C-alpha atoms as a PDB file:
ATOM      1  CA  UNK A   1      23.640  -3.587  -8.143  1.00  0.00           C
ATOM      2  CA  UNK A   2      25.794  -1.145  -5.726  1.00  0.00           C
ATOM      3  CA  UNK A   3      29.292  -0.423  -6.379  1.00  0.00           C
ATOM      4  CA  UNK A   4      31.512   0.356  -3.364  1.00  0.00           C
ATOM      5  CA  UNK A   5      34.027   1.735  -4.338  1.00  0.00           C
ATOM      6  CA  UNK A   6      35.849   5.215  -3.106  1.00  0.00           C
ATOM      7  CA  UNK A   7      32.874   7.371  -4.416  1.00  0.00           C
ATOM      8  CA  UNK A   8      30.047   5.384  -2.998  1.00  0.00           C
ATOM      9  CA  UNK A   9      31.698   5.506   0.613  1.00  0.00           C
ATOM     10  CA  UNK A  10      32.459   9.378  -0.033  1.00  0.00           C
ATOM     11  CA  UNK A  11      28.556   9.503  -0.342  1.00  0.00           C
ATOM     12  CA  UNK A  12      27.432   7.621   2.174  1.00  0.00           C
ATOM     13  CA  UNK A  13      29.916   9.317   4.486  1.00  0.00           C
ATOM     14  CA  UNK A  14      28.525  11.863   3.785  1.00  0.00           C
ATOM     15  CA  UNK A  15      25.507  11.860   3.599  1.00  0.00           C
ATOM     16  CA  UNK A  16      25.286  10.039   7.309  1.00  0.00           C
ATOM     17  CA  UNK A  17      27.410  12.850   8.705  1.00  0.00           C
ATOM     18  CA  UNK A  18      25.557  16.109   6.797  1.00  0.00           C
ATOM     19  CA  UNK A  19      22.038  14.817   6.808  1.00  0.00           C
ATOM     20  CA  UNK A  20      22.126  12.805  10.303  1.00  0.00           C
ATOM     21  CA  UNK A  21      24.754  14.107  13.213  1.00  0.00           C
ATOM     22  CA  UNK A  22      24.779  17.516  12.246  1.00  0.00           C
ATOM     23  CA  UNK A  23      20.835  18.101  11.613  1.00  0.00           C
ATOM     24  CA  UNK A  24      21.169  16.076  15.635  1.00  0.00           C
ATOM     25  CA  UNK A  25      23.501  18.402  16.294  1.00  0.00           C
ATOM     26  CA  UNK A  26      21.399  21.498  16.112  1.00  0.00           C
ATOM     27  CA  UNK A  27      18.450  20.023  16.860  1.00  0.00           C
ATOM     28  CA  UNK A  28      19.994  19.450  20.329  1.00  0.00           C
ATOM     29  CA  UNK A  29      21.832  22.723  20.134  1.00  0.00           C
ATOM     30  CA  UNK A  30      18.505  24.904  19.747  1.00  0.00           C
ATOM     31  CA  UNK A  31      16.811  22.840  22.133  1.00  0.00           C
ATOM     32  CA  UNK A  32      19.489  23.981  25.197  1.00  0.00           C
ATOM     33  CA  UNK A  33      19.546  27.157  24.292  1.00  0.00           C
ATOM     34  CA  UNK A  34      14.850  27.964  23.664  1.00  0.00           C
ATOM     35  CA  UNK A  35      14.034  25.353  25.342  1.00  0.00           C
ATOM     36  CA  UNK A  36      12.079  21.630  23.999  1.00  0.00           C
ATOM     37  CA  UNK A  37       8.516  23.330  23.046  1.00  0.00           C
ATOM     38  CA  UNK A  38       9.408  26.673  20.781  1.00  0.00           C
ATOM     39  CA  UNK A  39      12.176  23.837  19.039  1.00  0.00           C
ATOM     40  CA  UNK A  40       9.991  21.394  18.797  1.00  0.00           C
ATOM     41  CA  UNK A  41       7.925  23.907  16.020  1.00  0.00           C
ATOM     42  CA  UNK A  42      11.007  24.156  13.224  1.00  0.00           C
ATOM     43  CA  UNK A  43      10.763  20.801  12.945  1.00  0.00           C
ATOM     44  CA  UNK A  44       7.060  21.325  10.996  1.00  0.00           C
ATOM     45  CA  UNK A  45       9.244  23.845   9.228  1.00  0.00           C
ATOM     46  CA  UNK A  46      11.452  21.892   6.863  1.00  0.00           C
ATOM     47  CA  UNK A  47       9.367  21.086   4.163  1.00  0.00           C
ATOM     48  CA  UNK A  48       8.736  24.690   3.762  1.00  0.00           C
ATOM     49  CA  UNK A  49      11.929  24.870   3.570  1.00  0.00           C
ATOM     50  CA  UNK A  50      12.760  21.967   1.308  1.00  0.00           C
ATOM     51  CA  UNK A  51      10.424  23.753  -1.106  1.00  0.00           C
ATOM     52  CA  UNK A  52      12.204  26.617  -1.337  1.00  0.00           C
ATOM     53  CA  UNK A  53      15.621  25.453  -1.552  1.00  0.00           C
ATOM     54  CA  UNK A  54      14.366  22.900  -4.282  1.00  0.00           C
ATOM     55  CA  UNK A  55      13.026  26.085  -6.364  1.00  0.00           C
ATOM     56  CA  UNK A  56      16.604  27.825  -5.229  1.00  0.00           C
ATOM     57  CA  UNK A  57      18.809  25.436  -6.694  1.00  0.00           C
ATOM     58  CA  UNK A  58      17.184  22.550  -7.884  1.00  0.00           C
ATOM     59  CA  UNK A  59      15.402  24.624 -10.482  1.00  0.00           C
ATOM     60  CA  UNK A  60      12.051  23.445  -9.302  1.00  0.00           C
ATOM     61  CA  UNK A  61       8.527  24.896 -10.195  1.00  0.00           C
ATOM     62  CA  UNK A  62       6.570  26.601  -8.032  1.00  0.00           C
ATOM     63  CA  UNK A  63       3.253  24.666  -8.064  1.00  0.00           C
ATOM     64  CA  UNK A  64       0.046  25.301  -6.204  1.00  0.00           C
ATOM     65  CA  UNK A  65       0.386  22.380  -3.862  1.00  0.00           C
ATOM     66  CA  UNK A  66       3.669  24.165  -2.830  1.00  0.00           C
ATOM     67  CA  UNK A  67       1.943  27.266  -2.059  1.00  0.00           C
ATOM     68  CA  UNK A  68      -0.986  25.343  -0.007  1.00  0.00           C
ATOM     69  CA  UNK A  69       0.948  23.329   1.948  1.00  0.00           C
ATOM     70  CA  UNK A  70       3.465  26.238   2.805  1.00  0.00           C
ATOM     71  CA  UNK A  71       0.591  27.958   4.072  1.00  0.00           C
ATOM     72  CA  UNK A  72      -1.176  24.995   6.285  1.00  0.00           C
ATOM     73  CA  UNK A  73       1.962  24.301   7.431  1.00  0.00           C
ATOM     74  CA  UNK A  74       2.493  28.405   8.490  1.00  0.00           C
ATOM     75  CA  UNK A  75      -0.693  28.840   9.372  1.00  0.00           C
ATOM     76  CA  UNK A  76       0.100  25.201  11.735  1.00  0.00           C
ATOM     77  CA  UNK A  77       2.496  26.544  13.388  1.00  0.00           C
ATOM     78  CA  UNK A  78       1.435  29.710  14.024  1.00  0.00           C
ATOM     79  CA  UNK A  79      -1.682  28.593  15.560  1.00  0.00           C
ATOM     80  CA  UNK A  80      -0.163  26.168  17.896  1.00  0.00           C
ATOM     81  CA  UNK A  81       2.824  29.365  18.892  1.00  0.00           C
ATOM     82  CA  UNK A  82      -0.297  31.157  19.905  1.00  0.00           C
ATOM     83  CA  UNK A  83      -2.257  29.133  21.542  1.00  0.00           C
ATOM     84  CA  UNK A  84       0.711  28.046  23.458  1.00  0.00           C
ATOM     85  CA  UNK A  85       0.773  31.772  24.524  1.00  0.00           C
ATOM     86  CA  UNK A  86      -2.603  32.175  25.192  1.00  0.00           C
ATOM     87  CA  UNK A  87      -2.717  29.703  27.762  1.00  0.00           C
ATOM     88  CA  UNK A  88       0.729  30.204  29.571  1.00  0.00           C
ATOM     89  CA  UNK A  89      -0.014  34.309  29.886  1.00  0.00           C
ATOM     90  CA  UNK A  90      -3.939  32.523  31.309  1.00  0.00           C
ATOM     91  CA  UNK A  91      -2.246  30.898  33.776  1.00  0.00           C
ATOM     92  CA  UNK A  92       0.311  33.534  34.830  1.00  0.00           C
END
């Protein structure tokens, strides 16, 4: 059962403001600065940053599946960026 007290309400507001409003604000700002194509690539890096922050702040143990995931994510972002750049250069 959830107790509706000041701490519960403050926690919900904290998560609503920082994880939703600020994240969306930064995304919109990024889109206006570098465009939607380049900004969308950053959304794929979120899991990588989550792993890094969990290790640094929470003391999580770095495991093989973390390394494989990071390599796959960064490799995918690189391949998508490289193919997009190659397509843009060939059409110019």
